[in-house]
C-alpha atoms as a PDB file:
ATOM      1  CA  MET A   1      79.301 103.672  73.926  1.00  0.00           C
ATOM      2  CA  THR A   2      81.508 102.729  76.831  1.00  0.00           C
ATOM      3  CA  GLY A   3      84.711 104.596  77.425  1.00  0.00           C
ATOM      4  CA  VAL A   4      87.821 104.782  79.541  1.00  0.00           C
ATOM      5  CA  VAL A   5      88.053 106.594  82.855  1.00  0.00           C
ATOM      6  CA  LEU A   6      91.375 107.526  84.456  1.00  0.00           C
ATOM      7  CA  HIS A   7      91.552 108.252  88.186  1.00  0.00           C
ATOM      8  CA  LEU A   8      93.913 110.812  89.733  1.00  0.00           C
ATOM      9  CA  THR A   9      94.155 111.891  93.381  1.00  0.00           C
ATOM     10  CA  GLU A  10      97.736 113.158  93.751  1.00  0.00           C
ATOM     11  CA  ALA A  11      98.875 116.796  93.622  1.00  0.00           C
ATOM     12  CA  SER A  12     102.319 116.036  92.171  1.00  0.00           C
ATOM     13  CA  VAL A  13     103.098 117.929  88.960  1.00  0.00           C
ATOM     14  CA  ASP A  14     105.175 114.973  87.750  1.00  0.00           C
ATOM     15  CA  LYS A  15     102.218 112.644  88.331  1.00  0.00           C
ATOM     16  CA  HIS A  16      99.900 115.050  86.492  1.00  0.00           C
ATOM     17  CA  ARG A  17     102.258 115.138  83.512  1.00  0.00           C
ATOM     18  CA  ALA A  18     102.510 111.341  83.459  1.00  0.00           C
ATOM     19  CA  VAL A  19      98.732 110.820  83.640  1.00  0.00           C
ATOM     20  CA  LEU A  20      98.060 113.414  80.935  1.00  0.00           C
ATOM     21  CA  ARG A  21     100.677 111.703  78.749  1.00  0.00           C
ATOM     22  CA  ASN A  22      98.991 108.327  79.417  1.00  0.00           C
ATOM     23  CA  ALA A  23      95.613 109.767  78.435  1.00  0.00           C
ATOM     24  CA  LEU A  24      96.986 111.289  75.233  1.00  0.00           C
ATOM     25  CA  ASN A  25      98.789 108.054  74.342  1.00  0.00           C
ATOM     26  CA  LEU A  26      95.484 106.241  74.765  1.00  0.00           C
ATOM     27  CA  VAL A  27      93.599 108.335  72.193  1.00  0.00           C
ATOM     28  CA  PRO A  28      94.982 106.625  69.059  1.00  0.00           C
ATOM     29  CA  GLU A  29      94.741 103.183  70.687  1.00  0.00           C
ATOM     30  CA  VAL A  30      90.978 103.135  71.237  1.00  0.00           C
ATOM     31  CA  GLU A  31      88.176 103.082  68.695  1.00  0.00           C
ATOM     32  CA  PRO A  32      87.549 106.567  67.286  1.00  0.00           C
ATOM     33  CA  GLY A  33      84.891 108.357  69.306  1.00  0.00           C
ATOM     34  CA  THR A  34      85.585 106.398  72.487  1.00  0.00           C
ATOM     35  CA  PRO A  35      85.131 108.798  75.400  1.00  0.00           C
ATOM     36  CA  ILE A  36      88.104 109.236  77.697  1.00  0.00           C
ATOM     37  CA  GLU A  37      87.614 110.948  81.051  1.00  0.00           C
ATOM     38  CA  LEU A  38      90.194 111.996  83.606  1.00  0.00           C
ATOM     39  CA  VAL A  39      88.517 112.189  87.011  1.00  0.00           C
ATOM     40  CA  VAL A  40      90.343 114.251  89.631  1.00  0.00           C
ATOM     41  CA  HIS A  41      89.496 114.573  93.296  1.00  0.00           C
ATOM     42  CA  SER A  42      91.190 115.264  96.593  1.00  0.00           C
ATOM     43  CA  GLU A  43      94.529 117.061  96.119  1.00  0.00           C
ATOM     44  CA  ALA A  44      94.549 116.382  92.364  1.00  0.00           C
ATOM     45  CA  ILE A  45      91.930 119.029  91.649  1.00  0.00           C
ATOM     46  CA  CYS A  46      94.757 121.569  91.447  1.00  0.00           C
ATOM     47  CA  LEU A  47      95.291 120.179  87.929  1.00  0.00           C
ATOM     48  CA  ALA A  48      92.021 121.879  86.933  1.00  0.00           C
ATOM     49  CA  LEU A  49      93.029 125.348  88.120  1.00  0.00           C
ATOM     50  CA  PRO A  50      94.409 127.986  85.728  1.00  0.00           C
ATOM     51  CA  GLY A  51      98.105 128.814  85.796  1.00  0.00           C
ATOM     52  CA  GLN A  52      99.430 125.364  86.682  1.00  0.00           C
ATOM     53  CA  ALA A  53     102.776 124.088  85.390  1.00  0.00           C
ATOM     54  CA  THR A  54     100.849 121.465  83.438  1.00  0.00           C
ATOM     55  CA  ALA A  55      98.541 123.980  81.704  1.00  0.00           C
ATOM     56  CA  ASP A  56      99.930 123.283  78.208  1.00  0.00           C
ATOM     57  CA  ALA A  57      99.695 119.503  78.619  1.00  0.00           C
ATOM     58  CA  LEU A  58      96.156 119.825  79.972  1.00  0.00           C
ATOM     59  CA  ALA A  59      95.147 122.082  77.061  1.00  0.00           C
ATOM     60  CA  GLU A  60      96.545 119.498  74.632  1.00  0.00           C
ATOM     61  CA  ALA A  61      94.531 116.754  76.354  1.00  0.00           C
ATOM     62  CA  LEU A  62      91.336 118.800  76.298  1.00  0.00           C
ATOM     63  CA  ASP A  63      91.922 119.664  72.625  1.00  0.00           C
ATOM     64  CA  ALA A  64      92.287 115.931  71.928  1.00  0.00           C
ATOM     65  CA  GLY A  65      88.816 115.376  73.377  1.00  0.00           C
ATOM     66  CA  ILE A  66      89.780 114.095  76.807  1.00  0.00           C
ATOM     67  CA  ILE A  67      87.197 115.174  79.366  1.00  0.00           C
ATOM     68  CA  LEU A  68      88.438 116.525  82.706  1.00  0.00           C
ATOM     69  CA  VAL A  69      85.924 115.732  85.463  1.00  0.00           C
ATOM     70  CA  VAL A  70      86.461 117.492  88.800  1.00  0.00           C
ATOM     71  CA  CYS A  71      84.924 116.346  92.088  1.00  0.00           C
ATOM     72  CA  ARG A  72      82.600 118.989  93.497  1.00  0.00           C
ATOM     73  CA  ASN A  73      83.030 117.586  97.032  1.00  0.00           C
ATOM     74  CA  SER A  74      86.773 118.251  96.796  1.00  0.00           C
ATOM     75  CA  MET A  75      86.097 121.672  95.302  1.00  0.00           C
ATOM     76  CA  ARG A  76      83.874 122.572  98.262  1.00  0.00           C
ATOM     77  CA  GLN A  77      86.592 121.516 100.703  1.00  0.00           C
ATOM     78  CA  GLN A  78      88.934 123.985  98.990  1.00  0.00           C
ATOM     79  CA  ASP A  79      86.326 126.760  98.613  1.00  0.00           C
ATOM     80  CA  LEU A  80      86.316 126.473  94.807  1.00  0.00           C
ATOM     81  CA  THR A  81      83.454 126.778  92.343  1.00  0.00           C
ATOM     82  CA  ASP A  82      83.024 125.811  88.699  1.00  0.00           C
ATOM     83  CA  ALA A  83      84.086 129.365  87.789  1.00  0.00           C
ATOM     84  CA  ASP A  84      87.535 128.666  89.286  1.00  0.00           C
ATOM     85  CA  LEU A  85      88.241 125.772  86.890  1.00  0.00           C
ATOM     86  CA  VAL A  86      90.022 125.890  83.553  1.00  0.00           C
ATOM     87  CA  HIS A  87      87.809 126.312  80.520  1.00  0.00           C
ATOM     88  CA  GLY A  88      86.574 122.913  79.380  1.00  0.00           C
ATOM     89  CA  ALA A  89      86.611 121.194  82.771  1.00  0.00           C
ATOM     90  CA  VAL A  90      83.331 119.802  84.066  1.00  0.00           C
ATOM     91  CA  SER A  91      82.362 118.954  87.615  1.00  0.00           C
ATOM     92  CA  ALA A  92      80.586 115.963  89.076  1.00  0.00           C
ATOM     93  CA  PRO A  93      78.899 115.887  92.494  1.00  0.00           C
ATOM     94  CA  SER A  94      81.276 113.149  93.696  1.00  0.00           C
ATOM     95  CA  GLY A  95      84.467 112.002  92.021  1.00  0.00           C
ATOM     96  CA  VAL A  96      84.345 108.520  93.507  1.00  0.00           C
ATOM     97  CA  GLY A  97      80.627 108.294  92.771  1.00  0.00           C
ATOM     98  CA  HIS A  98      81.341 109.202  89.150  1.00  0.00           C
ATOM     99  CA  LEU A  99      84.027 106.504  88.956  1.00  0.00           C
ATOM    100  CA  VAL A 100      81.650 103.874  90.335  1.00  0.00           C
ATOM    101  CA  ALA A 101      78.901 104.924  87.916  1.00  0.00           C
ATOM    102  CA  ARG A 102      81.264 104.671  84.944  1.00  0.00           C
ATOM    103  CA  GLN A 103      82.466 101.231  86.012  1.00  0.00           C
ATOM    104  CA  ARG A 104      78.864 100.052  86.366  1.00  0.00           C
ATOM    105  CA  GLN A 105      78.278 101.330  82.822  1.00  0.00           C
ATOM    106  CA  GLY A 106      81.100  99.089  81.613  1.00  0.00           C
ATOM    107  CA  TRP A 107      83.814 101.689  81.227  1.00  0.00           C
ATOM    108  CA  ALA A 108      87.450 100.614  81.550  1.00  0.00           C
ATOM    109  CA  TYR A 109      89.058 101.956  84.759  1.00  0.00           C
ATOM    110  CA  LEU A 110      92.713 103.007  84.888  1.00  0.00           C
ATOM    111  CA  ARG A 111      94.653 104.283  87.867  1.00  0.00           C
ATOM    112  CA  PRO A 112      98.032 105.212  86.387  1.00  0.00           C
END
């Protein structure tokens, strides 16, 4: 089944809140079971760290089944490992590579 992938690179808390809200608003609009991924890289990986101002909104998104995918290249640049991420986040070797792979698989791409 193809899904929807959202792309986030900014560190802004307001942007994080808006993108999480977009992702949650998308859930009832797609066919049940449609995967929704939020791919973060560059400065946006701070969204995936514990203790952020958006922790409650992120927890709500994860509880709704939205998958948070964190770029391992960006993590390395910031000396982070998978153990540093919030529970439920997953990492991919390359955020942009993951986005390209999803688009080649027919997934819808959103850059809110």
